[in-house]
Amino acid sequence: MTILILGEMDGADISAATLRVLTAASQIGGEADLLLAGASLGPLAGRALTIPGVRRVLVAQHQGLDHALAETLTQLLAGLASGYSHILAAAGSVGRDVIPRLAAQLDLMPITDVVAIAGPARFERPIYAGNAIETLTNAQAKALLTVRASAFAPMAGTGSAPVELLDVDPVAPLASVLGTQRSAGDRPDLSTAKVVVGGGVALGSAEKFALITDLAAQLGAAVGATRAAVDAGFAPNDWQVGQTGKAIAPELYIAVGISGALQHLAGIAGAKTIVAINKDPEAPIMALADYRLVGDLFEIVPRLTEALKARQ
């Protein structure tokens, strides 16, 4: 078996999600190649050489591959597909766009949002908004997977892999990128953070949502939000956790003022420990939580934040 992994970049480094997809590939077995595609990849290719579990680093460098647009990446992967039994990508904005397109082009059925590897051809994925886990057996010639990165630990250690430059002539994409904006801040990435503090619409305003960010700062945590809080303008879209947002699997999730709608619970199903702060003891999330604080969040959260500051 040979596996091709679509690598993603995070600024000047390989994304944390890609390292987690490599762990999933190692559980499938066989050898894995890492594909990097973009307009300028010199420093990234050097970083990729040291990633463990990689047989080769395939570098496709061309101005037409800038911004990782779906049309160009799909064409690139389709040209490489014949040499691989599995093609993997993180189940993020890029993988969810590219892998289904590639599957349609190759006349295959993609297997999306994989959370566990049960064998080279058996994979587990959530269904019914995370209320059940489905085990799929792939009988196709190839397996095209998107992997929920938060469900796997990052590949650890060091490696040494040769770089192979690909001769590419990408198609002109139908879309064009007018600009990019990177979120500022030093918080951990929400998709892969070990600790996440999430806030709901009960906070009442964007100004009061600062209670969540202050608590997260004391814990070195990422910040999440429900869809209702995002739709109300309390938090930015990239903080949204749930069925229509990001799926997370932190060691600790603190849910503040979150009732526990089914769509939100689908995004936190992988959390190891859940702490719920809510004035309603009958809220759905209280039944799921490992620890429950019943009371006014505007009293509990500031006291918790101050207690953490005092300990430091």
C-alpha atoms as a PDB file:
ATOM      1  CA  MET A   1       0.000   0.000   0.000  1.00  0.00           C
ATOM      2  CA  THR A   2       1.132   3.510  -0.778  1.00  0.00           C
ATOM      3  CA  ILE A   3      -0.559   6.595   0.638  1.00  0.00           C
ATOM      4  CA  LEU A   4      -0.581  10.163  -0.663  1.00  0.00           C
ATOM      5  CA  ILE A   5      -1.250  12.936   1.846  1.00  0.00           C
ATOM      6  CA  LEU A   6      -2.272  16.396   0.734  1.00  0.00           C
ATOM      7  CA  GLY A   7      -0.195  18.670   2.939  1.00  0.00           C
ATOM      8  CA  GLU A   8      -1.421  22.039   4.133  1.00  0.00           C
ATOM      9  CA  MET A   9       0.622  25.056   5.103  1.00  0.00           C
ATOM     10  CA  ASP A  10       0.251  27.300   8.126  1.00  0.00           C
ATOM     11  CA  GLY A  11       2.252  30.382   7.329  1.00  0.00           C
ATOM     12  CA  ALA A  12       5.868  29.304   7.064  1.00  0.00           C
ATOM     13  CA  ASP A  13       5.345  25.814   8.482  1.00  0.00           C
ATOM     14  CA  ILE A  14       3.457  22.591   7.878  1.00  0.00           C
ATOM     15  CA  SER A  15       0.020  22.761   9.506  1.00  0.00           C
ATOM     16  CA  ALA A  16      -0.662  20.892  12.739  1.00  0.00           C
ATOM     17  CA  ALA A  17      -3.556  19.161  10.995  1.00  0.00           C
ATOM     18  CA  THR A  18      -1.191  17.621   8.428  1.00  0.00           C
ATOM     19  CA  LEU A  19       0.911  16.074  11.213  1.00  0.00           C
ATOM     20  CA  ARG A  20      -2.251  14.470  12.593  1.00  0.00           C
ATOM     21  CA  VAL A  21      -3.254  13.133   9.179  1.00  0.00           C
ATOM     22  CA  LEU A  22       0.188  11.514   9.018  1.00  0.00           C
ATOM     23  CA  THR A  23      -0.661   9.643  12.224  1.00  0.00           C
ATOM     24  CA  ALA A  24      -3.855   8.360  10.585  1.00  0.00           C
ATOM     25  CA  ALA A  25      -1.811   7.251   7.569  1.00  0.00           C
ATOM     26  CA  SER A  26       0.609   5.361   9.817  1.00  0.00           C
ATOM     27  CA  GLN A  27      -2.332   3.410  11.259  1.00  0.00           C
ATOM     28  CA  ILE A  28      -3.419   2.378   7.763  1.00  0.00           C
ATOM     29  CA  GLY A  29       0.045   0.968   7.126  1.00  0.00           C
ATOM     30  CA  GLY A  30       2.313   1.073   4.111  1.00  0.00           C
ATOM     31  CA  GLU A  31       4.450   3.968   2.877  1.00  0.00           C
ATOM     32  CA  ALA A  32       3.287   7.574   2.756  1.00  0.00           C
ATOM     33  CA  ASP A  33       4.237  10.452   0.468  1.00  0.00           C
ATOM     34  CA  LEU A  34       3.525  14.060   1.411  1.00  0.00           C
ATOM     35  CA  LEU A  35       2.410  16.455  -1.331  1.00  0.00           C
ATOM     36  CA  LEU A  36       3.052  20.174  -0.960  1.00  0.00           C
ATOM     37  CA  ALA A  37       1.598  22.504  -3.569  1.00  0.00           C
ATOM     38  CA  GLY A  38       1.953  26.255  -3.819  1.00  0.00           C
ATOM     39  CA  ALA A  39       3.717  29.204  -5.395  1.00  0.00           C
ATOM     40  CA  SER A  40       6.774  29.373  -3.124  1.00  0.00           C
ATOM     41  CA  LEU A  41       7.699  26.296  -1.105  1.00  0.00           C
ATOM     42  CA  GLY A  42      11.448  26.428  -0.540  1.00  0.00           C
ATOM     43  CA  PRO A  43      11.461  26.781   3.291  1.00  0.00           C
ATOM     44  CA  LEU A  44       8.464  24.466   3.687  1.00  0.00           C
ATOM     45  CA  ALA A  45      10.098  21.705   1.678  1.00  0.00           C
ATOM     46  CA  GLY A  46      13.087  21.859   4.007  1.00  0.00           C
ATOM     47  CA  ARG A  47      10.811  21.566   7.047  1.00  0.00           C
ATOM     48  CA  ALA A  48       8.953  18.638   5.494  1.00  0.00           C
ATOM     49  CA  LEU A  49      12.177  16.656   5.170  1.00  0.00           C
ATOM     50  CA  THR A  50      12.305  16.197   8.945  1.00  0.00           C
ATOM     51  CA  ILE A  51       8.719  14.980   9.410  1.00  0.00           C
ATOM     52  CA  PRO A  52       8.611  11.321  10.497  1.00  0.00           C
ATOM     53  CA  GLY A  53       6.634   8.720   8.614  1.00  0.00           C
ATOM     54  CA  VAL A  54       7.184  10.278   5.177  1.00  0.00           C
ATOM     55  CA  ARG A  55       8.792   8.302   2.350  1.00  0.00           C
ATOM     56  CA  ARG A  56       9.038  11.230  -0.100  1.00  0.00           C
ATOM     57  CA  VAL A  57       8.109  14.895  -0.128  1.00  0.00           C
ATOM     58  CA  LEU A  58       6.534  15.757  -3.471  1.00  0.00           C
ATOM     59  CA  VAL A  59       6.828  19.475  -4.223  1.00  0.00           C
ATOM     60  CA  ALA A  60       4.583  21.046  -6.864  1.00  0.00           C
ATOM     61  CA  GLN A  61       5.700  24.654  -7.163  1.00  0.00           C
ATOM     62  CA  HIS A  62       3.958  26.942  -9.635  1.00  0.00           C
ATOM     63  CA  GLN A  63       2.349  30.368  -9.456  1.00  0.00           C
ATOM     64  CA  GLY A  64      -0.900  28.797 -10.635  1.00  0.00           C
ATOM     65  CA  LEU A  65      -0.989  26.686  -7.440  1.00  0.00           C
ATOM     66  CA  ASP A  66      -1.037  29.680  -5.133  1.00  0.00           C
ATOM     67  CA  HIS A  67      -3.830  29.849  -2.517  1.00  0.00           C
ATOM     68  CA  ALA A  68      -4.642  26.097  -2.786  1.00  0.00           C
ATOM     69  CA  LEU A  69      -7.665  26.504  -5.049  1.00  0.00           C
ATOM     70  CA  ALA A  70      -9.764  23.377  -5.527  1.00  0.00           C
ATOM     71  CA  GLU A  71      -9.625  23.178  -9.333  1.00  0.00           C
ATOM     72  CA  THR A  72      -5.837  23.196  -9.492  1.00  0.00           C
ATOM     73  CA  LEU A  73      -5.324  20.821  -6.556  1.00  0.00           C
ATOM     74  CA  THR A  74      -7.862  18.346  -7.933  1.00  0.00           C
ATOM     75  CA  GLN A  75      -6.103  18.254 -11.296  1.00  0.00           C
ATOM     76  CA  LEU A  76      -2.754  17.739  -9.575  1.00  0.00           C
ATOM     77  CA  LEU A  77      -4.036  14.890  -7.390  1.00  0.00           C
ATOM     78  CA  ALA A  78      -5.808  13.215 -10.305  1.00  0.00           C
ATOM     79  CA  GLY A  79      -2.516  13.072 -12.187  1.00  0.00           C
ATOM     80  CA  LEU A  80      -0.818  11.364  -9.229  1.00  0.00           C
ATOM     81  CA  ALA A  81      -3.671   9.087  -8.145  1.00  0.00           C
ATOM     82  CA  SER A  82      -2.696   6.023 -10.192  1.00  0.00           C
ATOM     83  CA  GLY A  83       0.344   5.382  -7.999  1.00  0.00           C
ATOM     84  CA  TYR A  84      -1.515   5.291  -4.683  1.00  0.00           C
ATOM     85  CA  SER A  85      -3.971   3.051  -2.867  1.00  0.00           C
ATOM     86  CA  HIS A  86      -5.100   5.803  -0.451  1.00  0.00           C
ATOM     87  CA  ILE A  87      -5.299   9.593  -0.748  1.00  0.00           C
ATOM     88  CA  LEU A  88      -5.796  11.515   2.493  1.00  0.00           C
ATOM     89  CA  ALA A  89      -6.484  15.117   3.409  1.00  0.00           C
ATOM     90  CA  ALA A  90      -7.499  16.883   6.602  1.00  0.00           C
ATOM     91  CA  ALA A  91     -11.251  17.421   6.912  1.00  0.00           C
ATOM     92  CA  GLY A  92     -10.873  21.185   6.788  1.00  0.00           C
ATOM     93  CA  SER A  93     -11.857  23.769   4.223  1.00  0.00           C
ATOM     94  CA  VAL A  94      -9.314  22.509   1.675  1.00  0.00           C
ATOM     95  CA  GLY A  95      -9.847  18.759   2.068  1.00  0.00           C
ATOM     96  CA  ARG A  96     -13.635  19.024   2.121  1.00  0.00           C
ATOM     97  CA  ASP A  97     -13.482  20.898  -1.167  1.00  0.00           C
ATOM     98  CA  VAL A  98     -10.806  18.877  -2.969  1.00  0.00           C
ATOM     99  CA  ILE A  99     -11.462  15.231  -2.019  1.00  0.00           C
ATOM    100  CA  PRO A 100     -15.126  15.096  -3.190  1.00  0.00           C
ATOM    101  CA  ARG A 101     -14.111  16.772  -6.461  1.00  0.00           C
ATOM    102  CA  LEU A 102     -11.334  14.227  -6.906  1.00  0.00           C
ATOM    103  CA  ALA A 103     -13.701  11.360  -6.093  1.00  0.00           C
ATOM    104  CA  ALA A 104     -16.147  12.537  -8.757  1.00  0.00           C
ATOM    105  CA  GLN A 105     -13.357  12.784 -11.301  1.00  0.00           C
ATOM    106  CA  LEU A 106     -12.113   9.267 -10.496  1.00  0.00           C
ATOM    107  CA  ASP A 107     -15.657   7.842 -10.229  1.00  0.00           C
ATOM    108  CA  LEU A 108     -15.154   6.830  -6.589  1.00  0.00           C
ATOM    109  CA  MET A 109     -17.084   7.357  -3.372  1.00  0.00           C
ATOM    110  CA  PRO A 110     -15.162   9.473  -0.828  1.00  0.00           C
ATOM    111  CA  ILE A 111     -15.093   8.529   2.849  1.00  0.00           C
ATOM    112  CA  THR A 112     -15.382  11.729   4.826  1.00  0.00           C
ATOM    113  CA  ASP A 113     -14.640  12.863   8.378  1.00  0.00           C
ATOM    114  CA  VAL A 114     -12.790   9.702   9.445  1.00  0.00           C
ATOM    115  CA  VAL A 115     -12.170   9.598  13.211  1.00  0.00           C
ATOM    116  CA  ALA A 116     -10.571   6.147  13.575  1.00  0.00           C
ATOM    117  CA  ILE A 117      -8.710   3.605  11.453  1.00  0.00           C
ATOM    118  CA  ALA A 118      -9.923   0.030  11.944  1.00  0.00           C
ATOM    119  CA  GLY A 119      -7.795  -1.413   9.129  1.00  0.00           C
ATOM    120  CA  PRO A 120      -6.468  -0.600   5.655  1.00  0.00           C
ATOM    121  CA  ALA A 121     -10.013  -0.764   4.276  1.00  0.00           C
ATOM    122  CA  ARG A 122     -12.114  -0.151   7.433  1.00  0.00           C
ATOM    123  CA  PHE A 123     -12.756   3.318   8.743  1.00  0.00           C
ATOM    124  CA  GLU A 124     -14.957   4.892  11.400  1.00  0.00           C
ATOM    125  CA  ARG A 125     -16.864   8.159  10.961  1.00  0.00           C
ATOM    126  CA  PRO A 126     -19.631   9.938  12.893  1.00  0.00           C
ATOM    127  CA  ILE A 127     -23.200   9.984  11.593  1.00  0.00           C
ATOM    128  CA  TYR A 128     -26.505  11.447  12.817  1.00  0.00           C
ATOM    129  CA  ALA A 129     -24.784  14.635  13.988  1.00  0.00           C
ATOM    130  CA  GLY A 130     -22.254  12.630  15.988  1.00  0.00           C
ATOM    131  CA  ASN A 131     -24.794  10.490  17.835  1.00  0.00           C
ATOM    132  CA  ALA A 132     -23.486   7.263  16.289  1.00  0.00           C
ATOM    133  CA  ILE A 133     -20.235   5.982  14.807  1.00  0.00           C
ATOM    134  CA  GLU A 134     -20.392   4.170  11.486  1.00  0.00           C
ATOM    135  CA  THR A 135     -17.777   1.601  10.442  1.00  0.00           C
ATOM    136  CA  LEU A 136     -17.259   1.501   6.684  1.00  0.00           C
ATOM    137  CA  THR A 137     -15.510  -1.169   4.639  1.00  0.00           C
ATOM    138  CA  ASN A 138     -14.017   0.195   1.434  1.00  0.00           C
ATOM    139  CA  ALA A 139     -14.195  -2.251  -1.491  1.00  0.00           C
ATOM    140  CA  GLN A 140     -13.166   0.294  -4.129  1.00  0.00           C
ATOM    141  CA  ALA A 141      -9.894   0.335  -6.014  1.00  0.00           C
ATOM    142  CA  LYS A 142      -8.746   3.323  -3.971  1.00  0.00           C
ATOM    143  CA  ALA A 143      -9.710   4.985  -0.714  1.00  0.00           C
ATOM    144  CA  LEU A 144     -10.177   8.758  -0.755  1.00  0.00           C
ATOM    145  CA  LEU A 145     -10.415  10.031   2.807  1.00  0.00           C
ATOM    146  CA  THR A 146     -10.892  13.261   4.668  1.00  0.00           C
ATOM    147  CA  VAL A 147      -9.595  12.836   8.226  1.00  0.00           C
ATOM    148  CA  ARG A 148     -10.881  14.684  11.279  1.00  0.00           C
ATOM    149  CA  ALA A 149      -7.482  15.874  12.455  1.00  0.00           C
ATOM    150  CA  SER A 150      -8.566  16.478  16.044  1.00  0.00           C
ATOM    151  CA  ALA A 151      -9.254  12.740  16.458  1.00  0.00           C
ATOM    152  CA  PHE A 152      -5.560  11.839  16.014  1.00  0.00           C
ATOM    153  CA  ALA A 153      -2.401  12.789  17.871  1.00  0.00           C
ATOM    154  CA  PRO A 154       0.263  14.664  15.878  1.00  0.00           C
ATOM    155  CA  MET A 155       3.045  12.563  14.423  1.00  0.00           C
ATOM    156  CA  ALA A 156       6.019  12.870  16.762  1.00  0.00           C
ATOM    157  CA  GLY A 157       9.748  12.401  16.241  1.00  0.00           C
ATOM    158  CA  THR A 158      12.031  13.237  13.370  1.00  0.00           C
ATOM    159  CA  GLY A 159      12.570  11.746   9.952  1.00  0.00           C
ATOM    160  CA  SER A 160      14.556  12.139   6.767  1.00  0.00           C
ATOM    161  CA  ALA A 161      12.847  12.071   3.382  1.00  0.00           C
ATOM    162  CA  PRO A 162      14.050  13.071  -0.082  1.00  0.00           C
ATOM    163  CA  VAL A 163      12.376  15.901  -1.978  1.00  0.00           C
ATOM    164  CA  GLU A 164      11.061  15.252  -5.461  1.00  0.00           C
ATOM    165  CA  LEU A 165      10.142  18.250  -7.617  1.00  0.00           C
ATOM    166  CA  LEU A 166       7.095  17.730  -9.818  1.00  0.00           C
ATOM    167  CA  ASP A 167       6.770  19.186 -13.299  1.00  0.00           C
ATOM    168  CA  VAL A 168       3.323  20.807 -13.210  1.00  0.00           C
ATOM    169  CA  ASP A 169       1.212  22.925 -15.541  1.00  0.00           C
ATOM    170  CA  PRO A 170      -1.947  23.640 -13.568  1.00  0.00           C
ATOM    171  CA  VAL A 171      -5.233  24.624 -15.142  1.00  0.00           C
ATOM    172  CA  ALA A 172      -6.415  28.193 -14.741  1.00  0.00           C
ATOM    173  CA  PRO A 173      -8.905  28.205 -11.844  1.00  0.00           C
ATOM    174  CA  LEU A 174     -12.429  29.513 -12.297  1.00  0.00           C
ATOM    175  CA  ALA A 175     -12.129  31.529  -9.083  1.00  0.00           C
ATOM    176  CA  SER A 176      -9.594  34.169  -8.165  1.00  0.00           C
ATOM    177  CA  VAL A 177      -8.352  35.243  -4.736  1.00  0.00           C
ATOM    178  CA  LEU A 178      -8.772  38.960  -4.099  1.00  0.00           C
ATOM    179  CA  GLY A 179      -6.999  38.954  -0.759  1.00  0.00           C
ATOM    180  CA  THR A 180      -6.175  36.982   2.356  1.00  0.00           C
ATOM    181  CA  GLN A 181      -6.301  37.880   6.021  1.00  0.00           C
ATOM    182  CA  ARG A 182      -4.677  35.977   8.852  1.00  0.00           C
ATOM    183  CA  SER A 183      -6.221  36.143  12.310  1.00  0.00           C
ATOM    184  CA  ALA A 184      -3.883  37.813  14.744  1.00  0.00           C
ATOM    185  CA  GLY A 185      -3.142  36.456  18.191  1.00  0.00           C
ATOM    186  CA  ASP A 186      -1.122  33.843  20.003  1.00  0.00           C
ATOM    187  CA  ARG A 187      -3.933  31.476  21.018  1.00  0.00           C
ATOM    188  CA  PRO A 188      -3.689  27.777  20.104  1.00  0.00           C
ATOM    189  CA  ASP A 189      -5.414  26.634  16.933  1.00  0.00           C
ATOM    190  CA  LEU A 190      -9.018  25.778  17.755  1.00  0.00           C
ATOM    191  CA  SER A 191      -9.090  22.565  15.711  1.00  0.00           C
ATOM    192  CA  THR A 192      -6.136  21.006  17.537  1.00  0.00           C
ATOM    193  CA  ALA A 193      -6.055  22.780  20.937  1.00  0.00           C
ATOM    194  CA  LYS A 194      -5.786  20.711  24.118  1.00  0.00           C
ATOM    195  CA  VAL A 195      -7.962  23.147  26.086  1.00  0.00           C
ATOM    196  CA  VAL A 196     -10.922  25.094  24.655  1.00  0.00           C
ATOM    197  CA  VAL A 197     -13.253  27.576  26.342  1.00  0.00           C
ATOM    198  CA  GLY A 198     -16.545  27.972  24.473  1.00  0.00           C
ATOM    199  CA  GLY A 199     -19.192  30.644  24.869  1.00  0.00           C
ATOM    200  CA  GLY A 200     -22.861  30.710  23.943  1.00  0.00           C
ATOM    201  CA  VAL A 201     -25.463  33.318  23.105  1.00  0.00           C
ATOM    202  CA  ALA A 202     -26.301  33.633  26.808  1.00  0.00           C
ATOM    203  CA  LEU A 203     -23.323  35.987  27.163  1.00  0.00           C
ATOM    204  CA  GLY A 204     -25.513  38.639  25.588  1.00  0.00           C
ATOM    205  CA  SER A 205     -23.033  40.775  23.648  1.00  0.00           C
ATOM    206  CA  ALA A 206     -19.625  40.867  21.992  1.00  0.00           C
ATOM    207  CA  GLU A 207     -18.334  42.985  24.885  1.00  0.00           C
ATOM    208  CA  LYS A 208     -19.390  40.409  27.479  1.00  0.00           C
ATOM    209  CA  PHE A 209     -17.848  37.638  25.358  1.00  0.00           C
ATOM    210  CA  ALA A 210     -14.562  39.028  26.687  1.00  0.00           C
ATOM    211  CA  LEU A 211     -15.276  36.917  29.772  1.00  0.00           C
ATOM    212  CA  ILE A 212     -14.563  33.882  27.600  1.00  0.00           C
ATOM    213  CA  THR A 213     -11.371  35.244  26.078  1.00  0.00           C
ATOM    214  CA  ASP A 214     -10.074  36.333  29.493  1.00  0.00           C
ATOM    215  CA  LEU A 215     -10.644  32.881  30.965  1.00  0.00           C
ATOM    216  CA  ALA A 216      -9.050  31.250  27.926  1.00  0.00           C
ATOM    217  CA  ALA A 217      -5.993  33.491  28.280  1.00  0.00           C
ATOM    218  CA  GLN A 218      -5.438  32.279  31.850  1.00  0.00           C
ATOM    219  CA  LEU A 219      -5.642  28.644  30.716  1.00  0.00           C
ATOM    220  CA  GLY A 220      -3.606  29.048  27.518  1.00  0.00           C
ATOM    221  CA  ALA A 221      -6.708  27.817  25.736  1.00  0.00           C
ATOM    222  CA  ALA A 222      -8.348  28.317  22.362  1.00  0.00           C
ATOM    223  CA  VAL A 223     -11.695  30.118  22.177  1.00  0.00           C
ATOM    224  CA  GLY A 224     -14.820  28.584  20.671  1.00  0.00           C
ATOM    225  CA  ALA A 225     -18.386  29.734  20.183  1.00  0.00           C
ATOM    226  CA  THR A 226     -21.775  28.332  19.296  1.00  0.00           C
ATOM    227  CA  ARG A 227     -23.386  29.133  15.966  1.00  0.00           C
ATOM    228  CA  ALA A 228     -25.966  31.282  17.733  1.00  0.00           C
ATOM    229  CA  ALA A 229     -23.207  33.377  19.316  1.00  0.00           C
ATOM    230  CA  VAL A 230     -21.465  33.767  15.963  1.00  0.00           C
ATOM    231  CA  ASP A 231     -24.701  34.651  14.156  1.00  0.00           C
ATOM    232  CA  ALA A 232     -25.414  37.267  16.839  1.00  0.00           C
ATOM    233  CA  GLY A 233     -22.043  38.877  16.163  1.00  0.00           C
ATOM    234  CA  PHE A 234     -20.552  38.011  19.540  1.00  0.00           C
ATOM    235  CA  ALA A 235     -17.639  36.043  18.064  1.00  0.00           C
ATOM    236  CA  PRO A 236     -15.935  35.669  14.659  1.00  0.00           C
ATOM    237  CA  ASN A 237     -16.905  32.857  12.305  1.00  0.00           C
ATOM    238  CA  ASP A 238     -13.605  30.987  12.703  1.00  0.00           C
ATOM    239  CA  TRP A 239     -14.438  30.395  16.386  1.00  0.00           C
ATOM    240  CA  GLN A 240     -17.609  28.458  15.557  1.00  0.00           C
ATOM    241  CA  VAL A 241     -17.742  24.913  16.933  1.00  0.00           C
ATOM    242  CA  GLY A 242     -20.363  22.410  15.842  1.00  0.00           C
ATOM    243  CA  GLN A 243     -21.864  20.579  12.930  1.00  0.00           C
ATOM    244  CA  THR A 244     -21.536  23.634  10.672  1.00  0.00           C
ATOM    245  CA  GLY A 245     -18.298  24.804  12.298  1.00  0.00           C
ATOM    246  CA  LYS A 246     -15.184  23.063  13.571  1.00  0.00           C
ATOM    247  CA  ALA A 247     -15.102  19.635  15.184  1.00  0.00           C
ATOM    248  CA  ILE A 248     -12.769  19.610  18.169  1.00  0.00           C
ATOM    249  CA  ALA A 249     -11.379  16.968  20.516  1.00  0.00           C
ATOM    250  CA  PRO A 250      -9.577  18.782  23.335  1.00  0.00           C
ATOM    251  CA  GLU A 251      -8.469  17.280  26.616  1.00  0.00           C
ATOM    252  CA  LEU A 252     -10.674  19.861  28.362  1.00  0.00           C
ATOM    253  CA  TYR A 253     -13.698  21.766  27.038  1.00  0.00           C
ATOM    254  CA  ILE A 254     -15.308  24.441  29.220  1.00  0.00           C
ATOM    255  CA  ALA A 255     -18.784  25.328  27.939  1.00  0.00           C
ATOM    256  CA  VAL A 256     -20.019  28.673  29.266  1.00  0.00           C
ATOM    257  CA  GLY A 257     -23.646  29.669  28.752  1.00  0.00           C
ATOM    258  CA  ILE A 258     -24.166  26.910  26.185  1.00  0.00           C
ATOM    259  CA  SER A 259     -27.438  25.006  26.301  1.00  0.00           C
ATOM    260  CA  GLY A 260     -26.158  22.111  24.187  1.00  0.00           C
ATOM    261  CA  ALA A 261     -28.002  22.116  20.891  1.00  0.00           C
ATOM    262  CA  LEU A 262     -27.522  18.923  18.906  1.00  0.00           C
ATOM    263  CA  GLN A 263     -25.489  20.720  16.249  1.00  0.00           C
ATOM    264  CA  HIS A 264     -23.021  22.034  18.843  1.00  0.00           C
ATOM    265  CA  LEU A 265     -22.712  18.701  20.627  1.00  0.00           C
ATOM    266  CA  ALA A 266     -21.730  17.117  17.300  1.00  0.00           C
ATOM    267  CA  GLY A 267     -18.633  19.330  17.237  1.00  0.00           C
ATOM    268  CA  ILE A 268     -17.460  18.509  20.775  1.00  0.00           C
ATOM    269  CA  ALA A 269     -18.131  14.765  20.781  1.00  0.00           C
ATOM    270  CA  GLY A 270     -14.397  14.039  20.890  1.00  0.00           C
ATOM    271  CA  ALA A 271     -13.710  16.140  24.012  1.00  0.00           C
ATOM    272  CA  LYS A 272     -12.166  14.070  26.811  1.00  0.00           C
ATOM    273  CA  THR A 273     -13.503  16.152  29.725  1.00  0.00           C
ATOM    274  CA  ILE A 274     -16.365  18.644  29.578  1.00  0.00           C
ATOM    275  CA  VAL A 275     -17.082  21.300  32.192  1.00  0.00           C
ATOM    276  CA  ALA A 276     -20.450  23.051  31.814  1.00  0.00           C
ATOM    277  CA  ILE A 277     -21.319  26.391  33.421  1.00  0.00           C
ATOM    278  CA  ASN A 278     -25.027  27.101  33.095  1.00  0.00           C
ATOM    279  CA  LYS A 279     -27.868  28.415  35.255  1.00  0.00           C
ATOM    280  CA  ASP A 280     -30.226  25.734  33.902  1.00  0.00           C
ATOM    281  CA  PRO A 281     -29.495  22.340  35.488  1.00  0.00           C
ATOM    282  CA  GLU A 282     -31.722  20.690  32.865  1.00  0.00           C
ATOM    283  CA  ALA A 283     -29.832  22.054  29.850  1.00  0.00           C
ATOM    284  CA  PRO A 284     -28.849  19.230  27.442  1.00  0.00           C
ATOM    285  CA  ILE A 285     -25.134  19.886  27.858  1.00  0.00           C
ATOM    286  CA  MET A 286     -25.395  19.259  31.618  1.00  0.00           C
ATOM    287  CA  ALA A 287     -26.252  15.616  30.948  1.00  0.00           C
ATOM    288  CA  LEU A 288     -23.122  15.285  28.802  1.00  0.00           C
ATOM    289  CA  ALA A 289     -20.754  17.188  31.090  1.00  0.00           C
ATOM    290  CA  ASP A 290     -18.289  15.499  33.432  1.00  0.00           C
ATOM    291  CA  TYR A 291     -18.403  18.500  35.798  1.00  0.00           C
ATOM    292  CA  ARG A 292     -21.342  20.902  36.193  1.00  0.00           C
ATOM    293  CA  LEU A 293     -21.440  24.379  37.727  1.00  0.00           C
ATOM    294  CA  VAL A 294     -25.026  25.555  38.120  1.00  0.00           C
ATOM    295  CA  GLY A 295     -25.282  29.313  38.517  1.00  0.00           C
ATOM    296  CA  ASP A 296     -24.930  32.733  36.932  1.00  0.00           C
ATOM    297  CA  LEU A 297     -22.023  32.689  34.479  1.00  0.00           C
ATOM    298  CA  PHE A 298     -21.463  36.423  35.100  1.00  0.00           C
ATOM    299  CA  GLU A 299     -20.590  35.560  38.696  1.00  0.00           C
ATOM    300  CA  ILE A 300     -18.826  32.219  38.192  1.00  0.00           C
ATOM    301  CA  VAL A 301     -16.538  33.029  35.246  1.00  0.00           C
ATOM    302  CA  PRO A 302     -14.961  36.226  36.678  1.00  0.00           C
ATOM    303  CA  ARG A 303     -14.323  34.452  39.990  1.00  0.00           C
ATOM    304  CA  LEU A 304     -12.757  31.505  38.175  1.00  0.00           C
ATOM    305  CA  THR A 305     -10.576  33.839  36.102  1.00  0.00           C
ATOM    306  CA  GLU A 306      -9.413  35.742  39.196  1.00  0.00           C
ATOM    307  CA  ALA A 307      -8.653  32.490  41.019  1.00  0.00           C
ATOM    308  CA  LEU A 308      -6.470  31.377  38.114  1.00  0.00           C
ATOM    309  CA  LYS A 309      -4.665  34.719  38.086  1.00  0.00           C
ATOM    310  CA  ALA A 310      -4.015  34.419  41.827  1.00  0.00           C
ATOM    311  CA  ARG A 311      -2.486  30.961  41.388  1.00  0.00           C
ATOM    312  CA  GLN A 312      -0.045  32.333  38.826  1.00  0.00           C
END
